[in-house]
Amino acid sequence: MKKILVIEDVDFNRDLLVQLLEDGYEVLTAADGAAGIEMAEREHPDLILMDLSLPLIDGWEATRRIKTSGELRGVPVIALTAHAMQGDAEKARECGCDDYLSKPLDEDLLFEKLQRFLGENPKG
């Protein structure tokens, strides 16, 4: 089973993502950027869903650090943000994110992106 790390500081959003993903994936969670980096280094997830507005270390910097780690460089990171401003998708890619989703999340689009990066569709 593929492992997804959800780095999200808002309990409601984190719980929603876990509910959406837990039937088809092993889901790990972290509530801030520092804990997310630590979890990624320890668990080596297959994909990371990264909120960009995080405490301690924001998602932009957490992604930069993950993408400069030799062991984690190839792990896809999908940025999640409620601040869907023009240019944010490009900014997310510049810091190392492989893709971008705005909140509120479109569940179908989320699973399309997961299928593209992980090569499987647990929803059938």
C-alpha atoms as a PDB file:
ATOM      1  CA  MET A   1       0.000   0.000   0.000  1.00  0.00           C
ATOM      2  CA  LYS A   2       1.366   3.410  -0.969  1.00  0.00           C
ATOM      3  CA  LYS A   3       2.196   5.824   1.848  1.00  0.00           C
ATOM      4  CA  ILE A   4       1.014   9.461   1.762  1.00  0.00           C
ATOM      5  CA  LEU A   5       2.217  12.104   4.214  1.00  0.00           C
ATOM      6  CA  VAL A   6      -0.313  14.885   4.854  1.00  0.00           C
ATOM      7  CA  ILE A   7       1.329  18.023   6.282  1.00  0.00           C
ATOM      8  CA  GLU A   8      -1.569  20.267   7.313  1.00  0.00           C
ATOM      9  CA  ASP A   9      -1.983  22.422  10.431  1.00  0.00           C
ATOM     10  CA  VAL A  10      -5.791  22.790  10.411  1.00  0.00           C
ATOM     11  CA  ASP A  11      -7.354  19.794  12.191  1.00  0.00           C
ATOM     12  CA  PHE A  12     -10.504  19.815  10.056  1.00  0.00           C
ATOM     13  CA  ASN A  13      -8.555  19.815   6.779  1.00  0.00           C
ATOM     14  CA  ARG A  14      -6.134  17.156   8.000  1.00  0.00           C
ATOM     15  CA  ASP A  15      -8.984  14.913   9.190  1.00  0.00           C
ATOM     16  CA  LEU A  16     -10.838  15.358   5.897  1.00  0.00           C
ATOM     17  CA  LEU A  17      -7.779  14.316   3.904  1.00  0.00           C
ATOM     18  CA  VAL A  18      -7.242  11.288   6.154  1.00  0.00           C
ATOM     19  CA  GLN A  19     -10.885  10.236   5.639  1.00  0.00           C
ATOM     20  CA  LEU A  20     -10.576  10.620   1.866  1.00  0.00           C
ATOM     21  CA  LEU A  21      -7.318   8.672   1.664  1.00  0.00           C
ATOM     22  CA  GLU A  22      -7.315   6.056   4.420  1.00  0.00           C
ATOM     23  CA  ASP A  23      -9.195   3.357   2.506  1.00  0.00           C
ATOM     24  CA  GLY A  24      -6.656   3.271  -0.307  1.00  0.00           C
ATOM     25  CA  TYR A  25      -3.414   4.475   1.243  1.00  0.00           C
ATOM     26  CA  GLU A  26      -1.377   4.364   4.418  1.00  0.00           C
ATOM     27  CA  VAL A  27      -1.776   7.938   5.680  1.00  0.00           C
ATOM     28  CA  LEU A  28       0.725   9.718   7.910  1.00  0.00           C
ATOM     29  CA  THR A  29       0.124  13.201   9.289  1.00  0.00           C
ATOM     30  CA  ALA A  30       2.072  16.162  10.615  1.00  0.00           C
ATOM     31  CA  ALA A  31       0.697  19.481  11.875  1.00  0.00           C
ATOM     32  CA  ASP A  32       3.642  21.771  11.069  1.00  0.00           C
ATOM     33  CA  GLY A  33       6.520  22.006   8.627  1.00  0.00           C
ATOM     34  CA  ALA A  34       9.213  20.928  11.081  1.00  0.00           C
ATOM     35  CA  ALA A  35       7.303  17.789  12.096  1.00  0.00           C
ATOM     36  CA  GLY A  36       6.533  17.135   8.420  1.00  0.00           C
ATOM     37  CA  ILE A  37      10.203  17.199   7.435  1.00  0.00           C
ATOM     38  CA  GLU A  38      11.064  14.902  10.341  1.00  0.00           C
ATOM     39  CA  MET A  39       8.243  12.484   9.428  1.00  0.00           C
ATOM     40  CA  ALA A  40       9.269  12.463   5.755  1.00  0.00           C
ATOM     41  CA  GLU A  41      12.888  11.665   6.667  1.00  0.00           C
ATOM     42  CA  ARG A  42      11.816   8.866   9.012  1.00  0.00           C
ATOM     43  CA  GLU A  43       9.000   7.292   6.970  1.00  0.00           C
ATOM     44  CA  HIS A  44       9.987   7.905   3.313  1.00  0.00           C
ATOM     45  CA  PRO A  45       6.432   8.420   1.986  1.00  0.00           C
ATOM     46  CA  ASP A  46       5.514   7.787  -1.653  1.00  0.00           C
ATOM     47  CA  LEU A  47       3.885  11.238  -1.901  1.00  0.00           C
ATOM     48  CA  ILE A  48       3.475  14.358   0.254  1.00  0.00           C
ATOM     49  CA  LEU A  49       0.440  16.653   0.400  1.00  0.00           C
ATOM     50  CA  MET A  50       1.903  19.937   1.683  1.00  0.00           C
ATOM     51  CA  ASP A  51      -0.117  22.829   3.050  1.00  0.00           C
ATOM     52  CA  LEU A  52       1.836  25.988   2.276  1.00  0.00           C
ATOM     53  CA  SER A  53       0.685  28.042   5.296  1.00  0.00           C
ATOM     54  CA  LEU A  54       2.208  26.104   8.178  1.00  0.00           C
ATOM     55  CA  PRO A  55       3.560  27.076  11.614  1.00  0.00           C
ATOM     56  CA  LEU A  56       7.241  26.778  12.592  1.00  0.00           C
ATOM     57  CA  ILE A  57       8.487  26.101   9.052  1.00  0.00           C
ATOM     58  CA  ASP A  58       6.111  27.082   6.260  1.00  0.00           C
ATOM     59  CA  GLY A  59       5.276  24.728   3.408  1.00  0.00           C
ATOM     60  CA  TRP A  60       7.441  26.629   0.944  1.00  0.00           C
ATOM     61  CA  GLU A  61      10.582  26.117   3.066  1.00  0.00           C
ATOM     62  CA  ALA A  62       9.630  22.582   4.132  1.00  0.00           C
ATOM     63  CA  THR A  63       9.319  21.625   0.459  1.00  0.00           C
ATOM     64  CA  ARG A  64      12.717  23.187  -0.336  1.00  0.00           C
ATOM     65  CA  ARG A  65      14.336  21.172   2.464  1.00  0.00           C
ATOM     66  CA  ILE A  66      12.638  17.925   1.441  1.00  0.00           C
ATOM     67  CA  LYS A  67      13.618  18.401  -2.203  1.00  0.00           C
ATOM     68  CA  THR A  68      17.270  19.004  -1.296  1.00  0.00           C
ATOM     69  CA  SER A  69      17.443  15.805   0.756  1.00  0.00           C
ATOM     70  CA  GLY A  70      19.114  13.060  -1.254  1.00  0.00           C
ATOM     71  CA  GLU A  71      16.722  10.348  -0.092  1.00  0.00           C
ATOM     72  CA  LEU A  72      13.574  12.447  -0.516  1.00  0.00           C
ATOM     73  CA  ARG A  73      14.378  14.419  -3.667  1.00  0.00           C
ATOM     74  CA  GLY A  74      12.251  12.143  -5.856  1.00  0.00           C
ATOM     75  CA  VAL A  75       9.170  12.114  -3.610  1.00  0.00           C
ATOM     76  CA  PRO A  76       6.333  14.030  -5.310  1.00  0.00           C
ATOM     77  CA  VAL A  77       5.046  17.001  -3.314  1.00  0.00           C
ATOM     78  CA  ILE A  78       1.597  18.405  -4.075  1.00  0.00           C
ATOM     79  CA  ALA A  79       1.050  21.882  -2.639  1.00  0.00           C
ATOM     80  CA  LEU A  80      -2.265  22.627  -0.913  1.00  0.00           C
ATOM     81  CA  THR A  81      -3.347  26.200  -0.318  1.00  0.00           C
ATOM     82  CA  ALA A  82      -6.415  28.259   0.407  1.00  0.00           C
ATOM     83  CA  HIS A  83      -4.562  31.302  -0.918  1.00  0.00           C
ATOM     84  CA  ALA A  84      -5.135  30.597  -4.596  1.00  0.00           C
ATOM     85  CA  MET A  85      -3.618  33.793  -5.921  1.00  0.00           C
ATOM     86  CA  GLN A  86      -2.421  34.248  -9.453  1.00  0.00           C
ATOM     87  CA  GLY A  87       1.154  33.042  -9.621  1.00  0.00           C
ATOM     88  CA  ASP A  88       0.917  30.712  -6.619  1.00  0.00           C
ATOM     89  CA  ALA A  89       1.078  27.567  -8.755  1.00  0.00           C
ATOM     90  CA  GLU A  90       4.288  28.816 -10.388  1.00  0.00           C
ATOM     91  CA  LYS A  91       5.707  29.857  -7.011  1.00  0.00           C
ATOM     92  CA  ALA A  92       4.903  26.399  -5.599  1.00  0.00           C
ATOM     93  CA  ARG A  93       6.709  24.724  -8.493  1.00  0.00           C
ATOM     94  CA  GLU A  94       9.703  27.037  -8.044  1.00  0.00           C
ATOM     95  CA  CYS A  95      10.160  25.893  -4.433  1.00  0.00           C
ATOM     96  CA  GLY A  96      10.041  22.254  -5.561  1.00  0.00           C
ATOM     97  CA  CYS A  97       6.377  21.243  -5.531  1.00  0.00           C
ATOM     98  CA  ASP A  98       5.476  18.839  -8.311  1.00  0.00           C
ATOM     99  CA  ASP A  99       1.852  19.964  -8.504  1.00  0.00           C
ATOM    100  CA  TYR A 100      -0.683  22.257  -6.855  1.00  0.00           C
ATOM    101  CA  LEU A 101      -4.239  22.048  -5.517  1.00  0.00           C
ATOM    102  CA  SER A 102      -6.299  24.933  -4.174  1.00  0.00           C
ATOM    103  CA  LYS A 103      -8.684  24.657  -1.233  1.00  0.00           C
ATOM    104  CA  PRO A 104     -11.442  23.792  -0.885  1.00  0.00           C
ATOM    105  CA  LEU A 105     -10.191  20.583  -2.433  1.00  0.00           C
ATOM    106  CA  ASP A 106     -11.854  19.076  -5.467  1.00  0.00           C
ATOM    107  CA  GLU A 107     -11.907  15.388  -4.486  1.00  0.00           C
ATOM    108  CA  ASP A 108     -11.910  14.133  -8.090  1.00  0.00           C
ATOM    109  CA  LEU A 109      -8.964  16.356  -8.985  1.00  0.00           C
ATOM    110  CA  LEU A 110      -7.084  15.174  -5.895  1.00  0.00           C
ATOM    111  CA  PHE A 111      -7.499  11.532  -6.909  1.00  0.00           C
ATOM    112  CA  GLU A 112      -6.542  12.314 -10.530  1.00  0.00           C
ATOM    113  CA  LYS A 113      -3.276  13.817  -9.294  1.00  0.00           C
ATOM    114  CA  LEU A 114      -2.637  10.910  -6.927  1.00  0.00           C
ATOM    115  CA  GLN A 115      -3.197   8.457  -9.760  1.00  0.00           C
ATOM    116  CA  ARG A 116      -0.826  10.411 -11.992  1.00  0.00           C
ATOM    117  CA  PHE A 117       1.976  10.443  -9.414  1.00  0.00           C
ATOM    118  CA  LEU A 118       1.397   7.040  -7.797  1.00  0.00           C
ATOM    119  CA  GLY A 119       0.095   5.110 -10.807  1.00  0.00           C
ATOM    120  CA  GLU A 120      -2.946   3.648  -9.103  1.00  0.00           C
ATOM    121  CA  ASN A 121      -6.543   4.537  -8.337  1.00  0.00           C
ATOM    122  CA  PRO A 122      -7.749   3.117  -5.000  1.00  0.00           C
ATOM    123  CA  LYS A 123     -11.274   4.400  -5.711  1.00  0.00           C
ATOM    124  CA  GLY A 124     -11.580   2.035  -8.666  1.00  0.00           C
END
